[in-house]
Amino acid sequence: MSILNAKEYKSFEEIKKTDKNGNEFWSARDLQKVLEYTEWRNFSKVIDKAMLACKNSGNAVSDHFVDVNKMVGIGSGTGRDVDDYELTRYACYLIVQNGDPRKEVIALGQTYFAIQTRRQEVADHFNQLDENSKRLVIRGDVKQWNKMLAESARNAGLITDEEYAIFQNAGYKGLYGGLDVKDIHSRKNLGEKDKILDFMGSEELAANLFRITQTESKMRRENIQGADAANETHFTVGKEVRSAIERVGGTMPENLPTPEKSIGEIEREQIKALKEKSEQLMLDE
């Protein structure tokens, strides 16, 4: 499954809403536009298929497809009621699964909602996961947010690979007490082609995820411009995360143990186990 780029990711994030109880939902009318269905009658057929899939999966349709009406203007200060649904993430996932596969945005939606649905399932049971599974989950989040951070860096004017490498090093130096990527790589005794993020435990990954998310948010919120300002922002956020770790008596990231297995190795092992389980189930049938 491919990772969405930042712009495509945001197109689904931006239409997400929250009700008075803090529960997230999507408007079917909003989703219709993002998925490039020009007519409601065609999109409603996709919704019908998704509802059937929801029912057949043993879930209550009314829990995931809340039937609502909304008022739309039709000119001269008048309006009319139109059908709409408040959709859960799972409902959106079923809709894109039943959408027109020829649409590129449908494929993107399938990826996005599959990732988000799985992420929520994992989050609900995160503390029950073993260390390797926690690493996989957080590493996936880091990849996603690093793409968004890269977009923010480009918007700030960082164009070349060299400029972005300096920007990344600034964040690491803040978080790791002056150590840059090369220093951390050496400290972990990694091979030339190994990525340091793939050899971090869940605690170290979580610290870096916080660094990345907060830097991206600050750069976007404050419209940071220029390489110097971007580098200073990344360094400052990294340093603040380090200070927070120190205040709570945590272990500095450079002193955390380096896992023996890389993220790639764990992924291959779990995919192999999943395939073997699937084949066994088929044999049992």
Protein backbone atom coordinates (compact mmCIF):
# COMPACT_ATOMS: atom_id res chain seq x y z
CA MET A 1 0.00 0.00 0.00
CA SER A 2 1.54 3.31 -1.03
CA ILE A 3 1.81 6.31 1.26
CA LEU A 4 -0.23 9.36 0.31
CA ASN A 5 1.64 12.55 -0.35
CA ALA A 6 0.90 15.46 1.94
CA LYS A 7 -1.49 17.32 -0.38
CA GLU A 8 -3.62 14.25 -1.06
CA TYR A 9 -3.61 13.35 2.63
CA LYS A 10 -4.90 16.79 3.56
CA SER A 11 -7.78 16.67 1.07
CA PHE A 12 -9.45 14.03 3.22
CA GLU A 13 -8.29 15.54 6.51
CA GLU A 14 -9.66 18.98 5.70
CA ILE A 15 -13.27 17.80 5.31
CA LYS A 16 -13.22 15.86 8.57
CA LYS A 17 -15.54 17.30 11.22
CA THR A 18 -16.09 16.80 14.94
CA ASP A 19 -19.42 16.62 16.75
CA LYS A 20 -20.21 18.11 20.16
CA ASN A 21 -18.98 14.94 21.87
CA GLY A 22 -15.62 15.07 20.14
CA ASN A 23 -16.37 12.26 17.69
CA GLU A 24 -15.03 12.67 14.17
CA PHE A 25 -17.23 12.28 11.11
CA TRP A 26 -17.36 13.13 7.43
CA SER A 27 -20.27 14.64 5.49
CA ALA A 28 -21.28 12.49 2.54
CA ARG A 29 -21.83 15.65 0.48
CA ASP A 30 -18.29 16.81 1.21
CA LEU A 31 -16.88 13.38 0.45
CA GLN A 32 -18.81 13.31 -2.82
CA LYS A 33 -16.91 16.40 -4.01
CA VAL A 34 -13.48 15.12 -2.96
CA LEU A 35 -14.14 11.80 -4.70
CA GLU A 36 -15.13 13.71 -7.85
CA TYR A 37 -18.74 12.50 -8.18
CA THR A 38 -20.61 15.32 -9.88
CA GLU A 39 -24.11 13.93 -9.28
CA TRP A 40 -25.55 12.83 -5.95
CA ARG A 41 -27.69 10.13 -7.56
CA ASN A 42 -24.56 8.32 -8.73
CA PHE A 43 -22.78 8.76 -5.42
CA SER A 44 -25.83 7.59 -3.48
CA LYS A 45 -25.61 4.25 -5.31
CA VAL A 46 -22.08 3.85 -3.96
CA ILE A 47 -23.36 4.68 -0.49
CA ASP A 48 -26.07 2.03 -0.82
CA LYS A 49 -23.44 -0.59 -1.66
CA ALA A 50 -21.34 0.54 1.28
CA MET A 51 -24.34 0.23 3.61
CA LEU A 52 -24.92 -3.31 2.41
CA ALA A 53 -21.28 -4.16 3.03
CA CYS A 54 -21.59 -2.65 6.50
CA LYS A 55 -24.63 -4.79 7.28
CA ASN A 56 -22.99 -7.94 5.92
CA SER A 57 -19.94 -7.32 8.10
CA GLY A 58 -22.16 -7.53 11.17
CA ASN A 59 -22.13 -3.82 11.99
CA ALA A 60 -25.19 -1.66 12.59
CA VAL A 61 -25.65 0.59 9.56
CA SER A 62 -27.17 3.36 11.69
CA ASP A 63 -23.99 3.52 13.78
CA HIS A 64 -21.88 4.40 10.75
CA PHE A 65 -24.29 6.10 8.33
CA VAL A 66 -26.31 8.73 10.20
CA ASP A 67 -29.11 9.99 7.96
CA VAL A 68 -29.32 13.81 8.10
CA ASN A 69 -30.69 16.63 5.97
CA LYS A 70 -28.92 19.85 5.17
CA MET A 71 -30.16 23.13 3.74
CA VAL A 72 -28.61 24.42 0.52
CA GLY A 73 -29.25 27.71 -1.18
CA ILE A 74 -30.84 27.77 -4.63
CA GLY A 75 -30.83 31.52 -5.24
CA SER A 76 -33.07 34.48 -4.34
CA GLY A 77 -32.50 33.80 -0.66
CA THR A 78 -34.35 30.48 -0.75
CA GLY A 79 -33.14 26.99 -0.03
CA ARG A 80 -34.14 23.36 0.03
CA ASP A 81 -33.38 20.26 2.05
CA VAL A 82 -31.06 17.68 0.52
CA ASP A 83 -30.13 14.20 1.69
CA ASP A 84 -26.84 13.80 3.51
CA TYR A 85 -25.13 11.40 5.87
CA GLU A 86 -22.72 11.82 8.72
CA LEU A 87 -20.17 9.10 8.09
CA THR A 88 -17.74 7.38 10.40
CA ARG A 89 -14.24 6.58 9.20
CA TYR A 90 -15.34 2.99 8.65
CA ALA A 91 -18.29 4.14 6.52
CA CYS A 92 -15.94 6.25 4.38
CA TYR A 93 -13.66 3.26 4.01
CA LEU A 94 -16.57 1.13 2.75
CA ILE A 95 -17.63 3.88 0.34
CA VAL A 96 -14.23 4.19 -1.30
CA GLN A 97 -13.98 0.41 -1.45
CA ASN A 98 -17.19 0.43 -3.50
CA GLY A 99 -16.34 3.49 -5.59
CA ASP A 100 -15.31 3.71 -9.23
CA PRO A 101 -11.85 2.05 -9.35
CA ARG A 102 -10.98 4.02 -12.51
CA LYS A 103 -10.83 7.23 -10.48
CA GLU A 104 -7.34 7.94 -9.15
CA VAL A 105 -8.83 9.75 -6.16
CA ILE A 106 -10.75 6.59 -5.23
CA ALA A 107 -7.49 4.67 -4.99
CA LEU A 108 -6.07 7.45 -2.86
CA GLY A 109 -9.15 7.36 -0.65
CA GLN A 110 -8.85 3.61 -0.24
CA THR A 111 -5.28 4.05 0.95
CA TYR A 112 -6.09 6.95 3.26
CA PHE A 113 -9.11 5.43 4.99
CA ALA A 114 -7.48 2.00 5.21
CA ILE A 115 -4.51 3.60 6.95
CA GLN A 116 -6.70 5.67 9.24
CA THR A 117 -9.04 2.79 10.09
CA ARG A 118 -6.14 0.51 10.88
CA ARG A 119 -4.42 3.26 12.85
CA GLN A 120 -7.50 3.75 15.05
CA GLU A 121 -7.84 0.02 15.60
CA VAL A 122 -4.22 -0.12 16.65
CA ALA A 123 -4.50 3.00 18.82
CA ASP A 124 -7.41 1.45 20.72
CA HIS A 125 -5.21 -1.51 21.63
CA PHE A 126 -1.77 0.12 21.49
CA ASN A 127 -0.74 -0.73 25.03
CA GLN A 128 -1.43 -4.40 24.34
CA LEU A 129 0.98 -4.51 21.40
CA ASP A 130 4.47 -5.96 21.70
CA GLU A 131 7.48 -3.71 21.16
CA ASN A 132 8.00 -4.61 17.51
CA SER A 133 4.37 -3.91 16.64
CA LYS A 134 4.55 -0.56 18.44
CA ARG A 135 7.64 0.29 16.40
CA LEU A 136 5.82 -0.51 13.16
CA VAL A 137 2.86 1.67 14.07
CA ILE A 138 4.89 4.71 15.11
CA ARG A 139 7.31 4.34 12.20
CA GLY A 140 4.33 4.50 9.84
CA ASP A 141 3.19 7.74 11.48
CA VAL A 142 6.71 9.16 11.22
CA LYS A 143 6.82 8.44 7.48
CA GLN A 144 3.49 10.16 6.96
CA TRP A 145 4.36 13.24 8.98
CA ASN A 146 7.84 13.51 7.48
CA LYS A 147 6.18 13.93 4.09
CA MET A 148 4.06 16.76 5.48
CA LEU A 149 7.12 18.32 7.10
CA ALA A 150 8.94 18.15 3.76
CA GLU A 151 6.08 20.06 2.14
CA SER A 152 6.25 22.72 4.84
CA ALA A 153 10.00 23.00 4.27
CA ARG A 154 9.46 23.48 0.54
CA ASN A 155 6.86 26.16 1.26
CA ALA A 156 9.46 27.88 3.44
CA GLY A 157 11.85 27.99 0.49
CA LEU A 158 14.05 24.93 1.04
CA ILE A 159 14.44 23.55 -2.46
CA THR A 160 17.64 21.50 -2.75
CA ASP A 161 18.45 18.17 -1.13
CA GLU A 162 21.36 19.82 0.66
CA GLU A 163 19.10 22.48 2.19
CA TYR A 164 16.66 19.83 3.39
CA ALA A 165 19.48 17.71 4.86
CA ILE A 166 20.69 20.73 6.87
CA PHE A 167 17.09 21.34 7.98
CA GLN A 168 16.73 17.72 9.14
CA ASN A 169 20.05 17.85 10.97
CA ALA A 170 18.87 20.95 12.84
CA GLY A 171 15.94 19.02 14.30
CA TYR A 172 18.11 16.08 15.30
CA LYS A 173 20.70 18.38 16.89
CA GLY A 174 18.00 19.96 19.03
CA LEU A 175 16.57 16.64 20.17
CA TYR A 176 19.86 14.75 20.49
CA GLY A 177 21.91 17.37 22.34
CA GLY A 178 23.98 18.47 19.35
CA LEU A 179 24.27 15.14 17.53
CA ASP A 180 23.37 15.18 13.82
CA VAL A 181 22.28 12.34 11.53
CA LYS A 182 25.85 11.17 10.90
CA ASP A 183 26.65 11.17 14.62
CA ILE A 184 23.50 9.21 15.52
CA HIS A 185 24.15 6.76 12.67
CA SER A 186 27.65 6.15 13.98
CA ARG A 187 26.49 5.88 17.59
CA LYS A 188 24.05 3.13 16.59
CA ASN A 189 26.81 1.28 14.66
CA LEU A 190 24.63 1.13 11.54
CA GLY A 191 25.59 0.09 8.03
CA GLU A 192 26.11 2.67 5.33
CA LYS A 193 22.63 2.22 3.82
CA ASP A 194 20.75 1.77 7.10
CA LYS A 195 18.26 4.48 8.09
CA ILE A 196 18.40 5.59 11.72
CA LEU A 197 14.60 5.78 11.99
CA ASP A 198 14.42 2.07 11.12
CA PHE A 199 16.65 1.26 14.09
CA MET A 200 14.78 3.12 16.81
CA GLY A 201 12.68 1.59 19.55
CA SER A 202 9.12 2.78 20.14
CA GLU A 203 10.14 5.33 22.80
CA GLU A 204 12.77 6.94 20.57
CA LEU A 205 10.43 6.93 17.58
CA ALA A 206 7.71 8.59 19.66
CA ALA A 207 10.09 11.39 20.66
CA ASN A 208 10.97 11.97 17.01
CA LEU A 209 7.33 11.85 15.96
CA PHE A 210 6.56 14.63 18.46
CA ARG A 211 9.50 16.66 17.09
CA ILE A 212 8.24 16.25 13.53
CA THR A 213 4.55 16.97 14.17
CA GLN A 214 5.24 20.04 16.28
CA THR A 215 7.75 21.46 13.80
CA GLU A 216 5.35 20.97 10.89
CA SER A 217 2.55 22.61 12.84
CA LYS A 218 4.67 25.58 13.95
CA MET A 219 6.06 26.22 10.45
CA ARG A 220 2.62 26.12 8.90
CA ARG A 221 0.93 28.14 11.65
CA GLU A 222 3.57 30.88 11.71
CA ASN A 223 4.29 30.77 7.97
CA ILE A 224 8.03 30.36 8.54
CA GLN A 225 10.05 31.56 5.54
CA GLY A 226 13.71 31.12 4.64
CA ALA A 227 16.26 28.40 5.37
CA ASP A 228 17.69 30.08 8.47
CA ALA A 229 14.29 30.55 10.10
CA ALA A 230 13.21 27.01 9.20
CA ASN A 231 16.41 25.50 10.60
CA GLU A 232 16.09 27.54 13.79
CA THR A 233 12.47 26.43 14.19
CA HIS A 234 13.34 22.76 13.78
CA PHE A 235 16.27 23.03 16.21
CA THR A 236 14.18 24.87 18.80
CA VAL A 237 11.32 22.37 18.68
CA GLY A 238 13.76 19.46 18.96
CA LYS A 239 15.41 21.13 21.95
CA GLU A 240 12.03 21.71 23.61
CA VAL A 241 11.12 18.03 23.20
CA ARG A 242 14.48 17.12 24.76
CA SER A 243 13.79 19.47 27.68
CA ALA A 244 10.37 17.86 28.20
CA ILE A 245 11.99 14.42 28.34
CA GLU A 246 14.49 15.72 30.89
CA ARG A 247 11.76 17.32 33.04
CA VAL A 248 9.85 14.05 33.37
CA GLY A 249 13.01 12.10 34.13
CA GLY A 250 13.08 10.23 30.83
CA THR A 251 16.06 8.74 29.04
CA MET A 252 17.70 10.96 26.46
CA PRO A 253 17.08 9.55 22.96
CA GLU A 254 20.77 9.00 22.20
CA ASN A 255 21.01 6.78 25.29
CA LEU A 256 18.08 4.52 24.40
CA PRO A 257 18.97 1.01 23.19
CA THR A 258 19.20 0.30 19.47
CA PRO A 259 16.95 -2.62 18.42
CA GLU A 260 18.67 -5.57 16.78
CA LYS A 261 16.10 -5.85 14.00
CA SER A 262 15.26 -3.09 11.54
CA ILE A 263 11.71 -2.03 10.76
CA GLY A 264 12.09 -3.65 7.32
CA GLU A 265 13.04 -6.98 8.84
CA ILE A 266 10.07 -6.89 11.23
CA GLU A 267 7.71 -6.03 8.35
CA ARG A 268 8.97 -8.96 6.30
CA GLU A 269 8.57 -11.34 9.23
CA GLN A 270 5.02 -10.21 9.97
CA ILE A 271 3.96 -10.31 6.31
CA LYS A 272 5.35 -13.83 6.03
CA ALA A 273 3.47 -14.89 9.17
CA LEU A 274 0.27 -13.30 7.85
CA LYS A 275 0.58 -15.14 4.53
CA GLU A 276 1.24 -18.45 6.27
CA LYS A 277 -1.82 -17.92 8.48
CA SER A 278 -3.94 -17.09 5.42
CA GLU A 279 -2.77 -20.19 3.59
CA GLN A 280 -3.53 -22.33 6.65
CA LEU A 281 -7.05 -20.91 6.85
CA MET A 282 -7.61 -21.74 3.20
CA LEU A 283 -6.42 -25.29 3.78
CA ASP A 284 -8.79 -25.63 6.74
CA GLU A 285 -11.69 -24.59 4.54
